[in-house]
Amino acid sequence: MASLFGHGLVAYTVSKVVDSKSNKLLLFLAIGSAILPDIDVLAFKFGIPYSHPLGHRGFTHSILFAVLWSVLLAFVFGKSRKLIFTIVLFIATLSHGLLDAMTSGGKGVGFFIPVDNARFFFPFRPIKVSPIGVKEFFSEWGINVILSELKYIGIPCLVVLCVLFISKKMMKQQWKNHV
């Protein structure tokens, strides 16, 4: 898996790009939703194997889970902005599995569970897989994960956020010039 930091950064970026109002609740829900799929690591504690549909990178990493979760949260918290909430939360939740499918380890991601239990990786897998557990994260392995995430997640997100910031500033300036 990518680390919580990488998942959170993608959700932050998605929220800023899609939600022009920069709703703080939506931002918080997006970051939480991008991290949530790893709740399935608890399956190991209950003896559920990795390859089981409820195992790690299983149902909570699926497209169906992202749809159900985003619609539920949009219904509960979206008020008059349900569509924006659904879009942001769907992309944020799904981004978790997409990032995990680009990591160097694990047994793949169950994008189509419960319809198909097959696990998938993308051909391009540059992100170092994050260790499971806090203790292992604060090691040389964890440092390598952070460095790969900076390169393959952090820099692209920063570029997107900079382009967004500059384009908003330019649009504001153009608006002032026309008024």
C-alpha atoms as a PDB file:
ATOM      1  CA  MET A   1       0.000   0.000   0.000  1.00  0.00           C
ATOM      2  CA  ALA A   2       0.998   3.590  -0.331  1.00  0.00           C
ATOM      3  CA  SER A   3       1.267   5.317   3.049  1.00  0.00           C
ATOM      4  CA  LEU A   4      -1.496   7.279   4.752  1.00  0.00           C
ATOM      5  CA  PHE A   5       0.368  10.447   3.750  1.00  0.00           C
ATOM      6  CA  GLY A   6       0.287   9.617   0.037  1.00  0.00           C
ATOM      7  CA  HIS A   7      -3.394   8.668   0.125  1.00  0.00           C
ATOM      8  CA  GLY A   8      -4.282  11.812   2.068  1.00  0.00           C
ATOM      9  CA  LEU A   9      -2.355  14.064  -0.306  1.00  0.00           C
ATOM     10  CA  VAL A  10      -4.208  12.711  -3.349  1.00  0.00           C
ATOM     11  CA  ALA A  11      -7.554  13.259  -1.594  1.00  0.00           C
ATOM     12  CA  TYR A  12      -6.558  16.813  -0.648  1.00  0.00           C
ATOM     13  CA  THR A  13      -5.626  17.519  -4.265  1.00  0.00           C
ATOM     14  CA  VAL A  14      -8.838  15.990  -5.651  1.00  0.00           C
ATOM     15  CA  SER A  15     -10.902  18.013  -3.198  1.00  0.00           C
ATOM     16  CA  LYS A  16      -9.205  21.268  -4.171  1.00  0.00           C
ATOM     17  CA  VAL A  17      -9.534  20.571  -7.905  1.00  0.00           C
ATOM     18  CA  VAL A  18     -13.187  19.462  -7.936  1.00  0.00           C
ATOM     19  CA  ASP A  19     -14.659  21.603  -5.143  1.00  0.00           C
ATOM     20  CA  SER A  20     -14.233  25.264  -6.030  1.00  0.00           C
ATOM     21  CA  LYS A  21     -15.783  26.289  -2.686  1.00  0.00           C
ATOM     22  CA  SER A  22     -13.069  24.438  -0.717  1.00  0.00           C
ATOM     23  CA  ASN A  23     -15.535  23.041   1.799  1.00  0.00           C
ATOM     24  CA  LYS A  24     -13.565  21.993   4.920  1.00  0.00           C
ATOM     25  CA  LEU A  25     -15.988  19.200   5.801  1.00  0.00           C
ATOM     26  CA  LEU A  26     -15.675  17.760   2.305  1.00  0.00           C
ATOM     27  CA  LEU A  27     -11.890  18.050   2.481  1.00  0.00           C
ATOM     28  CA  PHE A  28     -11.840  16.183   5.806  1.00  0.00           C
ATOM     29  CA  LEU A  29     -14.223  13.494   4.505  1.00  0.00           C
ATOM     30  CA  ALA A  30     -12.148  13.092   1.322  1.00  0.00           C
ATOM     31  CA  ILE A  31      -8.908  12.573   3.234  1.00  0.00           C
ATOM     32  CA  GLY A  32     -10.602  10.131   5.595  1.00  0.00           C
ATOM     33  CA  SER A  33     -12.198   8.305   2.667  1.00  0.00           C
ATOM     34  CA  ALA A  34      -8.862   7.967   0.894  1.00  0.00           C
ATOM     35  CA  ILE A  35      -7.337   6.384   3.993  1.00  0.00           C
ATOM     36  CA  LEU A  36     -10.373   4.273   5.026  1.00  0.00           C
ATOM     37  CA  PRO A  37      -9.878   1.321   2.638  1.00  0.00           C
ATOM     38  CA  ASP A  38      -6.896   0.174   4.722  1.00  0.00           C
ATOM     39  CA  ILE A  39      -9.294  -0.608   7.566  1.00  0.00           C
ATOM     40  CA  ASP A  40      -9.190  -4.052   5.975  1.00  0.00           C
ATOM     41  CA  VAL A  41      -5.804  -4.738   7.592  1.00  0.00           C
ATOM     42  CA  LEU A  42      -7.919  -5.615  10.638  1.00  0.00           C
ATOM     43  CA  ALA A  43      -8.899  -8.749   8.706  1.00  0.00           C
ATOM     44  CA  PHE A  44      -5.489 -10.205   9.593  1.00  0.00           C
ATOM     45  CA  LYS A  45      -6.432  -9.959  13.301  1.00  0.00           C
ATOM     46  CA  PHE A  46      -9.547 -12.042  12.619  1.00  0.00           C
ATOM     47  CA  GLY A  47      -7.730 -14.707  10.633  1.00  0.00           C
ATOM     48  CA  ILE A  48      -9.137 -13.592   7.283  1.00  0.00           C
ATOM     49  CA  PRO A  49      -6.518 -14.322   4.618  1.00  0.00           C
ATOM     50  CA  TYR A  50      -5.203 -11.691   2.230  1.00  0.00           C
ATOM     51  CA  SER A  51      -6.811 -13.398  -0.774  1.00  0.00           C
ATOM     52  CA  HIS A  52     -10.320 -13.436   0.765  1.00  0.00           C
ATOM     53  CA  PRO A  53     -12.754 -10.832  -0.637  1.00  0.00           C
ATOM     54  CA  LEU A  54     -12.755  -9.180   2.811  1.00  0.00           C
ATOM     55  CA  GLY A  55      -8.964  -9.491   3.146  1.00  0.00           C
ATOM     56  CA  HIS A  56      -6.406  -6.760   2.646  1.00  0.00           C
ATOM     57  CA  ARG A  57      -6.847  -4.871  -0.644  1.00  0.00           C
ATOM     58  CA  GLY A  58     -10.190  -6.618  -1.062  1.00  0.00           C
ATOM     59  CA  PHE A  59     -13.713  -5.193  -0.935  1.00  0.00           C
ATOM     60  CA  THR A  60     -12.775  -1.896   0.714  1.00  0.00           C
ATOM     61  CA  HIS A  61     -10.469  -1.237  -2.248  1.00  0.00           C
ATOM     62  CA  SER A  62     -13.156  -2.039  -4.834  1.00  0.00           C
ATOM     63  CA  ILE A  63     -15.036   0.250  -7.174  1.00  0.00           C
ATOM     64  CA  LEU A  64     -18.332  -0.848  -5.616  1.00  0.00           C
ATOM     65  CA  PHE A  65     -17.128   0.127  -2.146  1.00  0.00           C
ATOM     66  CA  ALA A  66     -16.066   3.567  -3.451  1.00  0.00           C
ATOM     67  CA  VAL A  67     -19.524   4.063  -4.986  1.00  0.00           C
ATOM     68  CA  LEU A  68     -21.440   2.939  -1.892  1.00  0.00           C
ATOM     69  CA  TRP A  69     -19.241   4.903   0.527  1.00  0.00           C
ATOM     70  CA  SER A  70     -19.313   8.130  -1.481  1.00  0.00           C
ATOM     71  CA  VAL A  71     -23.074   8.021  -1.995  1.00  0.00           C
ATOM     72  CA  LEU A  72     -23.652   7.321   1.708  1.00  0.00           C
ATOM     73  CA  LEU A  73     -21.450  10.219   2.836  1.00  0.00           C
ATOM     74  CA  ALA A  74     -22.897  12.567   0.209  1.00  0.00           C
ATOM     75  CA  PHE A  75     -26.413  11.689   1.353  1.00  0.00           C
ATOM     76  CA  VAL A  76     -25.554  12.273   5.031  1.00  0.00           C
ATOM     77  CA  PHE A  77     -23.292  15.336   4.697  1.00  0.00           C
ATOM     78  CA  GLY A  78     -23.772  16.779   1.198  1.00  0.00           C
ATOM     79  CA  LYS A  79     -26.863  18.919   1.829  1.00  0.00           C
ATOM     80  CA  SER A  80     -27.467  20.845  -1.397  1.00  0.00           C
ATOM     81  CA  ARG A  81     -24.106  19.750  -2.885  1.00  0.00           C
ATOM     82  CA  LYS A  82     -24.667  15.997  -3.038  1.00  0.00           C
ATOM     83  CA  LEU A  83     -23.270  15.621  -6.562  1.00  0.00           C
ATOM     84  CA  ILE A  84     -20.014  17.450  -5.751  1.00  0.00           C
ATOM     85  CA  PHE A  85     -19.653  15.463  -2.506  1.00  0.00           C
ATOM     86  CA  THR A  86     -20.282  12.187  -4.356  1.00  0.00           C
ATOM     87  CA  ILE A  87     -17.729  12.976  -7.076  1.00  0.00           C
ATOM     88  CA  VAL A  88     -14.988  14.100  -4.686  1.00  0.00           C
ATOM     89  CA  LEU A  89     -15.547  11.248  -2.237  1.00  0.00           C
ATOM     90  CA  PHE A  90     -15.766   8.631  -4.986  1.00  0.00           C
ATOM     91  CA  ILE A  91     -12.485   9.755  -6.567  1.00  0.00           C
ATOM     92  CA  ALA A  92     -10.787  10.058  -3.164  1.00  0.00           C
ATOM     93  CA  THR A  93     -11.912   6.583  -2.057  1.00  0.00           C
ATOM     94  CA  LEU A  94     -11.105   4.947  -5.391  1.00  0.00           C
ATOM     95  CA  SER A  95      -7.704   6.653  -5.485  1.00  0.00           C
ATOM     96  CA  HIS A  96      -6.631   4.413  -2.617  1.00  0.00           C
ATOM     97  CA  GLY A  97      -6.886   1.264  -4.710  1.00  0.00           C
ATOM     98  CA  LEU A  98      -5.395   3.001  -7.739  1.00  0.00           C
ATOM     99  CA  LEU A  99      -2.305   4.008  -5.756  1.00  0.00           C
ATOM    100  CA  ASP A 100      -2.024   0.550  -4.211  1.00  0.00           C
ATOM    101  CA  ALA A 101      -2.099  -0.969  -7.701  1.00  0.00           C
ATOM    102  CA  MET A 102       1.012   1.097  -8.468  1.00  0.00           C
ATOM    103  CA  THR A 103       3.014  -0.229  -5.517  1.00  0.00           C
ATOM    104  CA  SER A 104       5.894  -2.680  -5.585  1.00  0.00           C
ATOM    105  CA  GLY A 105       4.366  -5.237  -3.239  1.00  0.00           C
ATOM    106  CA  GLY A 106       1.316  -7.105  -2.087  1.00  0.00           C
ATOM    107  CA  LYS A 107      -0.981  -9.407  -4.005  1.00  0.00           C
ATOM    108  CA  GLY A 108      -2.894  -6.884  -6.083  1.00  0.00           C
ATOM    109  CA  VAL A 109      -6.113  -4.929  -5.648  1.00  0.00           C
ATOM    110  CA  GLY A 110      -9.633  -6.375  -5.866  1.00  0.00           C
ATOM    111  CA  PHE A 111     -11.199  -3.623  -7.960  1.00  0.00           C
ATOM    112  CA  PHE A 112     -14.167  -5.751  -9.040  1.00  0.00           C
ATOM    113  CA  ILE A 113     -15.041  -7.512  -5.771  1.00  0.00           C
ATOM    114  CA  PRO A 114     -17.729  -8.850  -5.168  1.00  0.00           C
ATOM    115  CA  VAL A 115     -18.312  -9.614  -8.856  1.00  0.00           C
ATOM    116  CA  ASP A 116     -14.776 -10.930  -9.434  1.00  0.00           C
ATOM    117  CA  ASN A 117     -12.229 -11.735  -6.722  1.00  0.00           C
ATOM    118  CA  ALA A 118      -9.240 -11.317  -9.074  1.00  0.00           C
ATOM    119  CA  ARG A 119      -6.491  -8.961  -7.886  1.00  0.00           C
ATOM    120  CA  PHE A 120      -4.776  -6.488 -10.170  1.00  0.00           C
ATOM    121  CA  PHE A 121      -1.650  -4.361 -10.412  1.00  0.00           C
ATOM    122  CA  PHE A 122      -0.860  -1.728 -13.025  1.00  0.00           C
ATOM    123  CA  PRO A 123       2.100  -2.364 -15.312  1.00  0.00           C
ATOM    124  CA  PHE A 124       3.717   0.824 -13.944  1.00  0.00           C
ATOM    125  CA  ARG A 125       4.502   0.115 -10.246  1.00  0.00           C
ATOM    126  CA  PRO A 126       7.022   2.738  -9.068  1.00  0.00           C
ATOM    127  CA  ILE A 127       5.671   3.387  -5.562  1.00  0.00           C
ATOM    128  CA  LYS A 128       7.460   1.440  -2.837  1.00  0.00           C
ATOM    129  CA  VAL A 129       4.980  -0.585  -0.820  1.00  0.00           C
ATOM    130  CA  SER A 130       4.493   0.753   2.693  1.00  0.00           C
ATOM    131  CA  PRO A 131       5.043  -1.559   5.644  1.00  0.00           C
ATOM    132  CA  ILE A 132       2.003  -2.493   7.683  1.00  0.00           C
ATOM    133  CA  GLY A 133       2.448  -1.160  11.198  1.00  0.00           C
ATOM    134  CA  VAL A 134       3.845   1.997  12.742  1.00  0.00           C
ATOM    135  CA  LYS A 135       7.056   0.466  14.087  1.00  0.00           C
ATOM    136  CA  GLU A 136       8.109  -0.846  10.674  1.00  0.00           C
ATOM    137  CA  PHE A 137       7.258   2.474   9.051  1.00  0.00           C
ATOM    138  CA  PHE A 138       9.929   4.299  11.075  1.00  0.00           C
ATOM    139  CA  SER A 139      12.784   2.424   9.445  1.00  0.00           C
ATOM    140  CA  GLU A 140      14.895   2.576   6.310  1.00  0.00           C
ATOM    141  CA  TRP A 141      12.012   0.888   4.485  1.00  0.00           C
ATOM    142  CA  GLY A 142       9.645   3.677   5.604  1.00  0.00           C
ATOM    143  CA  ILE A 143      12.077   6.360   4.446  1.00  0.00           C
ATOM    144  CA  ASN A 144      12.271   4.703   1.012  1.00  0.00           C
ATOM    145  CA  VAL A 145       8.462   4.663   0.853  1.00  0.00           C
ATOM    146  CA  ILE A 146       8.245   8.380   1.665  1.00  0.00           C
ATOM    147  CA  LEU A 147      10.888   9.214  -0.944  1.00  0.00           C
ATOM    148  CA  SER A 148       9.096   7.232  -3.656  1.00  0.00           C
ATOM    149  CA  GLU A 149       5.780   8.850  -2.683  1.00  0.00           C
ATOM    150  CA  LEU A 150       7.325  12.308  -2.836  1.00  0.00           C
ATOM    151  CA  LYS A 151       8.478  11.549  -6.357  1.00  0.00           C
ATOM    152  CA  TYR A 152       5.387   9.796  -7.715  1.00  0.00           C
ATOM    153  CA  ILE A 153       2.585  11.327  -5.626  1.00  0.00           C
ATOM    154  CA  GLY A 154       3.852  14.514  -3.948  1.00  0.00           C
ATOM    155  CA  ILE A 155       5.417  16.215  -6.969  1.00  0.00           C
ATOM    156  CA  PRO A 156       2.460  15.502  -9.303  1.00  0.00           C
ATOM    157  CA  CYS A 157       0.005  16.731  -6.647  1.00  0.00           C
ATOM    158  CA  LEU A 158       2.094  19.851  -6.071  1.00  0.00           C
ATOM    159  CA  VAL A 159       2.161  20.575  -9.816  1.00  0.00           C
ATOM    160  CA  VAL A 160      -1.631  20.168 -10.038  1.00  0.00           C
ATOM    161  CA  LEU A 161      -2.179  22.413  -7.001  1.00  0.00           C
ATOM    162  CA  CYS A 162       0.201  25.075  -8.371  1.00  0.00           C
ATOM    163  CA  VAL A 163      -1.535  25.061 -11.757  1.00  0.00           C
ATOM    164  CA  LEU A 164      -4.895  25.350  -9.982  1.00  0.00           C
ATOM    165  CA  PHE A 165      -3.659  28.242  -7.828  1.00  0.00           C
ATOM    166  CA  ILE A 166      -2.165  30.100 -10.806  1.00  0.00           C
ATOM    167  CA  SER A 167      -5.219  29.569 -12.997  1.00  0.00           C
ATOM    168  CA  LYS A 168      -7.563  30.815 -10.231  1.00  0.00           C
ATOM    169  CA  LYS A 169      -5.359  33.868  -9.745  1.00  0.00           C
ATOM    170  CA  MET A 170      -5.334  34.586 -13.497  1.00  0.00           C
ATOM    171  CA  MET A 171      -9.106  34.160 -13.736  1.00  0.00           C
ATOM    172  CA  LYS A 172      -9.596  36.536 -10.809  1.00  0.00           C
ATOM    173  CA  GLN A 173      -7.341  39.092 -12.479  1.00  0.00           C
ATOM    174  CA  GLN A 174      -9.185  38.762 -15.791  1.00  0.00           C
ATOM    175  CA  TRP A 175     -12.488  39.200 -13.966  1.00  0.00           C
ATOM    176  CA  LYS A 176     -11.211  42.412 -12.346  1.00  0.00           C
ATOM    177  CA  ASN A 177     -10.028  43.717 -15.720  1.00  0.00           C
ATOM    178  CA  HIS A 178     -13.446  43.121 -17.340  1.00  0.00           C
ATOM    179  CA  VAL A 179     -15.502  44.640 -14.557  1.00  0.00           C
END
